[in-house]
Protein backbone atom coordinates (compact mmCIF):
# COMPACT_ATOMS: atom_id res chain seq x y z
CA MET A 1 -26.06 10.80 -24.81
CA THR A 2 -24.27 14.47 -25.25
CA LEU A 3 -21.11 14.93 -24.38
CA ASP A 4 -22.23 16.64 -21.13
CA ASP A 5 -23.99 12.92 -20.50
CA LEU A 6 -20.25 11.34 -20.85
CA VAL A 7 -18.91 13.83 -18.55
CA GLN A 8 -20.87 13.55 -16.20
CA ARG A 9 -20.85 9.59 -16.17
CA LEU A 10 -17.11 10.04 -16.21
CA ARG A 11 -17.61 12.17 -12.62
CA ASP A 12 -19.90 9.22 -11.32
CA PHE A 13 -17.57 6.29 -12.60
CA ALA A 14 -14.40 8.23 -10.88
CA ALA A 15 -16.65 8.82 -8.14
CA ALA A 16 -18.56 5.54 -7.06
CA ARG A 17 -14.50 3.87 -7.32
CA ASP A 18 -12.83 6.87 -5.26
CA TRP A 19 -10.36 7.29 -7.98
CA GLU A 20 -10.64 11.62 -7.68
CA GLN A 21 -7.46 11.49 -5.48
CA PHE A 22 -5.83 9.93 -8.51
CA HIS A 23 -7.45 11.83 -11.20
CA THR A 24 -4.92 14.77 -11.47
CA PRO A 25 -3.86 16.42 -14.10
CA LYS A 26 -0.37 14.68 -14.10
CA ASN A 27 -1.69 11.31 -13.93
CA LEU A 28 -4.62 12.07 -16.77
CA VAL A 29 -1.92 13.79 -18.91
CA MET A 30 0.65 10.45 -18.62
CA ALA A 31 -2.93 8.68 -19.05
CA LEU A 32 -3.70 10.13 -22.07
CA SER A 33 -0.56 9.58 -23.97
CA GLY A 34 -0.44 6.26 -22.98
CA GLU A 35 -3.67 5.88 -24.47
CA VAL A 36 -2.12 7.92 -27.76
CA GLY A 37 0.56 5.43 -27.56
CA GLU A 38 -1.74 2.61 -27.60
CA LEU A 39 -3.29 3.60 -30.53
CA THR A 40 -0.53 5.08 -31.99
CA ALA A 41 1.48 1.71 -31.88
CA LEU A 42 -1.97 -0.30 -34.27
CA PHE A 43 -0.21 2.07 -36.98
CA GLN A 44 3.20 1.89 -36.18
CA TRP A 45 4.20 -0.23 -39.44
CA LEU A 46 0.75 -0.11 -41.66
CA THR A 47 1.04 1.77 -45.34
CA PRO A 48 -1.23 4.52 -45.44
CA GLU A 49 -2.74 2.39 -47.65
CA GLU A 50 -3.00 -0.26 -45.52
CA SER A 51 -4.05 2.48 -42.39
CA ALA A 52 -6.59 3.84 -44.60
CA ARG A 53 -7.96 0.48 -44.61
CA ALA A 54 -7.36 -0.68 -41.23
CA LEU A 55 -11.49 -0.85 -39.77
CA GLU A 56 -11.62 -3.65 -42.75
CA ASP A 57 -10.19 -5.97 -40.77
CA PRO A 58 -12.55 -6.74 -37.28
CA ALA A 59 -9.46 -7.15 -35.28
CA LEU A 60 -7.73 -4.58 -35.92
CA SER A 61 -10.68 -2.36 -35.82
CA ALA A 62 -12.03 -4.09 -32.52
CA GLU A 63 -8.90 -2.44 -31.05
CA VAL A 64 -8.66 0.44 -32.67
CA HIS A 65 -12.01 1.74 -31.21
CA ASP A 66 -11.38 0.55 -27.84
CA GLU A 67 -8.14 2.91 -28.34
CA LEU A 68 -10.02 5.86 -29.53
CA ALA A 69 -12.09 5.36 -26.45
CA ASP A 70 -9.63 5.41 -24.26
CA VAL A 71 -7.91 8.90 -25.64
CA THR A 72 -11.31 10.31 -25.45
CA LEU A 73 -12.60 8.83 -22.17
CA TYR A 74 -9.00 10.57 -20.95
CA LEU A 75 -9.00 13.60 -22.78
CA LEU A 76 -13.00 14.65 -21.34
CA ARG A 77 -11.78 13.67 -17.59
CA LEU A 78 -8.49 15.55 -18.13
CA ALA A 79 -10.60 18.92 -19.34
CA ASP A 80 -13.30 18.45 -16.47
CA VAL A 81 -10.58 18.51 -14.26
CA LEU A 82 -9.04 21.27 -15.21
CA GLY A 83 -12.67 23.31 -15.64
CA VAL A 84 -11.94 23.23 -19.59
CA ASP A 85 -14.94 23.17 -22.04
CA LEU A 86 -13.59 21.20 -24.98
CA LEU A 87 -16.22 22.71 -27.02
CA THR A 88 -15.76 25.93 -26.62
CA ALA A 89 -11.68 25.06 -26.71
CA ALA A 90 -12.11 23.65 -30.15
CA ALA A 91 -14.08 26.11 -31.92
CA ALA A 92 -11.88 28.88 -30.91
CA LYS A 93 -8.89 26.93 -32.06
CA ILE A 94 -10.84 26.97 -35.61
CA ASP A 95 -10.97 30.56 -35.10
CA ARG A 96 -7.69 31.24 -35.14
CA ASN A 97 -6.30 28.16 -37.70
CA GLU A 98 -8.48 29.81 -40.13
CA GLN A 99 -7.10 33.30 -39.73
CA ARG A 100 -3.33 31.48 -39.56
CA PHE A 101 -4.00 29.12 -42.87
CA PRO A 102 -6.29 31.02 -44.90
CA ALA A 103 -8.21 29.12 -47.57
CA GLY A 104 -7.59 29.25 -51.37
């Protein structure tokens, strides 16, 4: 599946449920923030070493995968609603960061 395929699947999912009316940028940002909070909570009290091994625990691994998926889906939906090409935006940001933070 490509990123475009996933975006289209999200569009179709929202349309089939008549959810476009609720998918305003404000609502999507709030939902995205909530999902990032849920992901953060999974790691909140882990030591750095424990967090590096988090996926070794099957139950925690499943939760991390679910929350990462939620974050990804809300981010993709938000970008789509706003008309932002995330790959182009990300590449441009890396370009700017390379200028701001030169290697070596």
